[in-house]
Amino acid sequence: MYSYCRSMLREPAGAADAVQETFLVATARLRQLRDRRTFRPWLYALARNECLRRLRAAPAVSGPRDATESATQAAELDPAAEPRALLADIAPPAVLASAFRS
């Protein structure tokens, strides 16, 4: 989870904070999870949303406009959806492969 957040946020402290916040949110919302088989994708979706929230709150940094638009669009998707498909536009394939190893 930390590696995933670090790949999105780039800063170690920010990634650690995002992981902590992800688990706090997951603990508070765990009863909303209807199917235990979707726990892992659900947890990664929560982490993605937290990272995107932090990116939006950070001061603007010049960069590719398409990446910002993809991140904003991904944040609006259903957190219960398959994260691998949701992340295809905003995370490098190597990051996705390492995040979903069994």
Protein backbone atom coordinates (compact mmCIF):
# COMPACT_ATOMS: atom_id res chain seq x y z
CA MET A 1 0.00 0.00 0.00
CA TYR A 2 2.85 2.36 0.85
CA SER A 3 4.59 1.69 -2.48
CA TYR A 4 1.37 2.38 -4.31
CA CYS A 5 0.81 5.68 -2.50
CA ARG A 6 4.46 6.60 -2.95
CA SER A 7 4.15 6.05 -6.71
CA MET A 8 1.34 8.56 -6.83
CA LEU A 9 2.62 11.13 -4.35
CA ARG A 10 6.41 10.83 -4.77
CA GLU A 11 7.11 12.09 -1.24
CA PRO A 12 7.76 9.47 1.48
CA ALA A 13 6.05 11.44 4.25
CA GLY A 14 3.00 12.18 2.10
CA ALA A 15 2.71 8.53 1.11
CA ALA A 16 2.95 7.40 4.74
CA ASP A 17 0.25 9.88 5.74
CA ALA A 18 -1.96 8.71 2.88
CA VAL A 19 -1.59 5.07 3.95
CA GLN A 20 -2.49 5.96 7.53
CA GLU A 21 -5.53 7.94 6.41
CA THR A 22 -6.56 5.09 4.09
CA PHE A 23 -6.65 2.64 6.97
CA LEU A 24 -8.53 5.08 9.18
CA VAL A 25 -11.18 5.54 6.49
CA ALA A 26 -11.28 1.78 5.84
CA THR A 27 -11.84 1.09 9.52
CA ALA A 28 -14.69 3.60 9.66
CA ARG A 29 -16.33 2.29 6.47
CA LEU A 30 -15.66 -1.44 6.76
CA ARG A 31 -19.31 -2.24 7.45
CA GLN A 32 -20.20 -0.75 4.06
CA LEU A 33 -18.20 -3.44 2.28
CA ARG A 34 -20.77 -5.99 1.10
CA ASP A 35 -18.52 -8.58 -0.49
CA ARG A 36 -15.34 -9.59 1.34
CA ARG A 37 -13.79 -10.75 -1.94
CA THR A 38 -13.60 -7.11 -3.02
CA PHE A 39 -11.66 -5.99 0.06
CA ARG A 40 -8.32 -5.54 -1.69
CA PRO A 41 -9.65 -3.53 -4.67
CA TRP A 42 -11.81 -1.52 -2.28
CA LEU A 43 -8.83 -0.71 -0.07
CA TYR A 44 -6.71 0.35 -3.05
CA ALA A 45 -9.58 2.52 -4.30
CA LEU A 46 -9.66 4.25 -0.91
CA ALA A 47 -5.89 4.78 -1.12
CA ARG A 48 -6.22 6.14 -4.65
CA ASN A 49 -8.91 8.57 -3.56
CA GLU A 50 -6.80 9.75 -0.63
CA CYS A 51 -3.75 10.26 -2.85
CA LEU A 52 -5.80 12.15 -5.42
CA ARG A 53 -7.30 14.30 -2.67
CA ARG A 54 -3.80 15.17 -1.51
CA LEU A 55 -2.65 15.91 -5.05
CA ARG A 56 -5.58 18.26 -5.63
CA ALA A 57 -4.89 20.03 -2.32
CA ALA A 58 -1.17 20.49 -3.10
CA PRO A 59 0.04 23.71 -4.70
CA ALA A 60 -0.12 23.61 -8.48
CA VAL A 61 3.01 22.27 -10.15
CA SER A 62 3.51 22.62 -13.87
CA GLY A 63 3.11 19.31 -15.62
CA PRO A 64 1.18 17.54 -18.33
CA ARG A 65 -2.43 18.61 -18.39
CA ASP A 66 -3.61 15.15 -19.44
CA ALA A 67 -2.32 13.54 -16.23
CA THR A 68 -4.27 16.01 -14.11
CA GLU A 69 -7.43 15.41 -16.09
CA SER A 70 -7.03 11.62 -15.86
CA ALA A 71 -6.52 11.81 -12.11
CA THR A 72 -9.60 13.97 -11.67
CA GLN A 73 -11.70 11.62 -13.79
CA ALA A 74 -10.44 8.57 -11.88
CA ALA A 75 -11.38 10.16 -8.55
CA GLU A 76 -14.99 10.38 -9.67
CA LEU A 77 -15.27 6.63 -10.35
CA ASP A 78 -16.86 4.06 -8.08
CA PRO A 79 -14.43 3.08 -5.28
CA ALA A 80 -15.66 -0.52 -5.49
CA ALA A 81 -14.60 -0.84 -9.14
CA GLU A 82 -11.56 -2.86 -10.18
CA PRO A 83 -8.57 -0.60 -9.35
CA ARG A 84 -6.31 -2.03 -12.06
CA ALA A 85 -8.67 -0.73 -14.75
CA LEU A 86 -9.17 2.60 -12.98
CA LEU A 87 -5.45 3.18 -12.60
CA ALA A 88 -4.39 2.34 -16.13
CA ASP A 89 -4.42 6.02 -17.14
CA ILE A 90 -2.55 7.41 -14.13
CA ALA A 91 -0.03 4.77 -13.02
CA PRO A 92 2.83 3.19 -14.95
CA PRO A 93 2.31 -0.50 -15.84
CA ALA A 94 5.25 -1.58 -13.64
CA VAL A 95 3.61 0.05 -10.61
CA LEU A 96 0.32 -1.67 -11.34
CA ALA A 97 2.01 -5.06 -11.74
CA SER A 98 3.78 -4.78 -8.38
CA ALA A 99 0.64 -3.53 -6.61
CA PHE A 100 -1.42 -6.53 -7.65
CA ARG A 101 0.95 -9.41 -7.05
CA SER A 102 -0.62 -12.21 -5.08
